[in-house]
Amino acid sequence: MFCLKRGTRRFNELQRSIPDISRKMLTQTLRKLERRGLLDRLVHPVVPPHVDYTLTPVGTKFAEAVALVCEWAQKNKGILKRVNFND
């Protein structure tokens, strides 16, 4: 989702920007995000096919919220190291 915050991306662009992800895993993840209404998929009727992915308005809001949590976690690493999440 964070790769799509900057705008529409094609499948191969997404795959290149996410290290060590397989085509299968990226495809499954994109399909799941689309089913949940977080991104839109546009297939261009050309050969070879081109597929564009874009965050929906809901996906954009969700990505913003997750980014805030990630930012907080980065700033509070010390606190997080002391917390036992297994209880």
C-alpha atoms as a PDB file:
ATOM      1  CA  MET A   1       0.000   0.000   0.000  1.00  0.00           C
ATOM      2  CA  PHE A   2       2.845   2.376   0.782  1.00  0.00           C
ATOM      3  CA  CYS A   3       4.187   1.946  -2.755  1.00  0.00           C
ATOM      4  CA  LEU A   4       0.843   3.210  -4.048  1.00  0.00           C
ATOM      5  CA  LYS A   5       0.764   6.328  -1.853  1.00  0.00           C
ATOM      6  CA  ARG A   6       2.649   8.186  -4.592  1.00  0.00           C
ATOM      7  CA  GLY A   7       0.047   7.305  -7.210  1.00  0.00           C
ATOM      8  CA  THR A   8      -0.856   4.663  -9.743  1.00  0.00           C
ATOM      9  CA  ARG A   9       1.668   1.890 -10.315  1.00  0.00           C
ATOM     10  CA  ARG A  10       1.905  -1.054 -12.669  1.00  0.00           C
ATOM     11  CA  PHE A  11       2.417  -4.584 -11.416  1.00  0.00           C
ATOM     12  CA  ASN A  12       6.093  -4.746 -12.447  1.00  0.00           C
ATOM     13  CA  GLU A  13       6.813  -1.396 -10.801  1.00  0.00           C
ATOM     14  CA  LEU A  14       5.322  -2.692  -7.567  1.00  0.00           C
ATOM     15  CA  GLN A  15       7.293  -5.921  -7.770  1.00  0.00           C
ATOM     16  CA  ARG A  16      10.574  -4.044  -8.311  1.00  0.00           C
ATOM     17  CA  SER A  17       9.867  -1.726  -5.375  1.00  0.00           C
ATOM     18  CA  ILE A  18       9.213  -4.568  -2.896  1.00  0.00           C
ATOM     19  CA  PRO A  19      12.387  -6.604  -2.345  1.00  0.00           C
ATOM     20  CA  ASP A  20      12.119 -10.396  -2.242  1.00  0.00           C
ATOM     21  CA  ILE A  21       8.391 -10.672  -3.024  1.00  0.00           C
ATOM     22  CA  SER A  22       7.318 -13.377  -5.434  1.00  0.00           C
ATOM     23  CA  ARG A  23       4.882 -12.728  -8.273  1.00  0.00           C
ATOM     24  CA  LYS A  24       2.420 -15.118  -6.657  1.00  0.00           C
ATOM     25  CA  MET A  25       2.510 -13.403  -3.255  1.00  0.00           C
ATOM     26  CA  LEU A  26       2.216  -9.932  -4.778  1.00  0.00           C
ATOM     27  CA  THR A  27      -0.724 -11.066  -6.921  1.00  0.00           C
ATOM     28  CA  GLN A  28      -2.503 -12.617  -3.929  1.00  0.00           C
ATOM     29  CA  THR A  29      -1.930  -9.524  -1.799  1.00  0.00           C
ATOM     30  CA  LEU A  30      -3.142  -7.120  -4.488  1.00  0.00           C
ATOM     31  CA  ARG A  31      -6.269  -9.199  -5.070  1.00  0.00           C
ATOM     32  CA  LYS A  32      -7.019  -9.269  -1.344  1.00  0.00           C
ATOM     33  CA  LEU A  33      -6.602  -5.485  -1.067  1.00  0.00           C
ATOM     34  CA  GLU A  34      -8.884  -5.029  -4.073  1.00  0.00           C
ATOM     35  CA  ARG A  35     -11.585  -7.306  -2.578  1.00  0.00           C
ATOM     36  CA  ARG A  36     -11.443  -5.281   0.634  1.00  0.00           C
ATOM     37  CA  GLY A  37     -11.930  -2.022  -1.252  1.00  0.00           C
ATOM     38  CA  LEU A  38      -8.495  -0.588  -0.546  1.00  0.00           C
ATOM     39  CA  LEU A  39      -7.273  -0.430  -4.129  1.00  0.00           C
ATOM     40  CA  ASP A  40      -8.595  -0.292  -7.670  1.00  0.00           C
ATOM     41  CA  ARG A  41      -7.289  -2.466 -10.490  1.00  0.00           C
ATOM     42  CA  LEU A  42      -7.502  -1.294 -14.101  1.00  0.00           C
ATOM     43  CA  VAL A  43      -6.665  -3.745 -16.907  1.00  0.00           C
ATOM     44  CA  HIS A  44      -5.733  -2.114 -20.210  1.00  0.00           C
ATOM     45  CA  PRO A  45      -6.821  -4.223 -23.223  1.00  0.00           C
ATOM     46  CA  VAL A  46      -3.429  -4.374 -24.930  1.00  0.00           C
ATOM     47  CA  VAL A  47      -0.929  -7.136 -25.653  1.00  0.00           C
ATOM     48  CA  PRO A  48       0.862  -7.771 -23.407  1.00  0.00           C
ATOM     49  CA  PRO A  49      -1.743  -6.709 -20.834  1.00  0.00           C
ATOM     50  CA  HIS A  50      -1.013  -3.708 -18.649  1.00  0.00           C
ATOM     51  CA  VAL A  51      -2.556  -3.554 -15.191  1.00  0.00           C
ATOM     52  CA  ASP A  52      -2.600  -0.381 -13.092  1.00  0.00           C
ATOM     53  CA  TYR A  53      -3.198  -0.308  -9.342  1.00  0.00           C
ATOM     54  CA  THR A  54      -4.372   2.776  -7.448  1.00  0.00           C
ATOM     55  CA  LEU A  55      -5.413   3.289  -3.844  1.00  0.00           C
ATOM     56  CA  THR A  56      -9.092   4.001  -3.327  1.00  0.00           C
ATOM     57  CA  PRO A  57     -10.061   6.907  -1.057  1.00  0.00           C
ATOM     58  CA  VAL A  58     -10.573   4.374   1.754  1.00  0.00           C
ATOM     59  CA  GLY A  59      -7.167   2.817   0.988  1.00  0.00           C
ATOM     60  CA  THR A  60      -5.526   6.233   1.119  1.00  0.00           C
ATOM     61  CA  LYS A  61      -7.040   6.985   4.543  1.00  0.00           C
ATOM     62  CA  PHE A  62      -6.035   3.542   5.823  1.00  0.00           C
ATOM     63  CA  ALA A  63      -2.449   3.977   4.569  1.00  0.00           C
ATOM     64  CA  GLU A  64      -2.277   7.374   6.311  1.00  0.00           C
ATOM     65  CA  ALA A  65      -3.386   5.809   9.609  1.00  0.00           C
ATOM     66  CA  VAL A  66      -0.889   2.955   9.321  1.00  0.00           C
ATOM     67  CA  ALA A  67       1.873   5.451   8.502  1.00  0.00           C
ATOM     68  CA  LEU A  68       1.112   7.327  11.728  1.00  0.00           C
ATOM     69  CA  VAL A  69       1.370   4.111  13.750  1.00  0.00           C
ATOM     70  CA  CYS A  70       4.670   3.232  12.040  1.00  0.00           C
ATOM     71  CA  GLU A  71       6.025   6.717  12.730  1.00  0.00           C
ATOM     72  CA  TRP A  72       5.044   6.406  16.407  1.00  0.00           C
ATOM     73  CA  ALA A  73       6.685   2.964  16.611  1.00  0.00           C
ATOM     74  CA  GLN A  74       9.923   4.319  15.123  1.00  0.00           C
ATOM     75  CA  LYS A  75      10.005   7.152  17.654  1.00  0.00           C
ATOM     76  CA  ASN A  76       9.204   4.823  20.570  1.00  0.00           C
ATOM     77  CA  LYS A  77      11.461   1.831  19.933  1.00  0.00           C
ATOM     78  CA  GLY A  78      12.688   1.944  23.512  1.00  0.00           C
ATOM     79  CA  ILE A  79       9.185   1.613  24.918  1.00  0.00           C
ATOM     80  CA  LEU A  80       8.358  -1.201  22.529  1.00  0.00           C
ATOM     81  CA  LYS A  81      11.476  -3.172  23.503  1.00  0.00           C
ATOM     82  CA  ARG A  82      10.280  -3.226  27.113  1.00  0.00           C
ATOM     83  CA  VAL A  83       6.719  -4.328  26.290  1.00  0.00           C
ATOM     84  CA  ASN A  84       5.904  -8.037  26.367  1.00  0.00           C
ATOM     85  CA  PHE A  85       3.338  -8.632  23.635  1.00  0.00           C
ATOM     86  CA  ASN A  86       3.036 -12.348  24.446  1.00  0.00           C
ATOM     87  CA  ASP A  87       0.870 -11.885  27.567  1.00  0.00           C
END
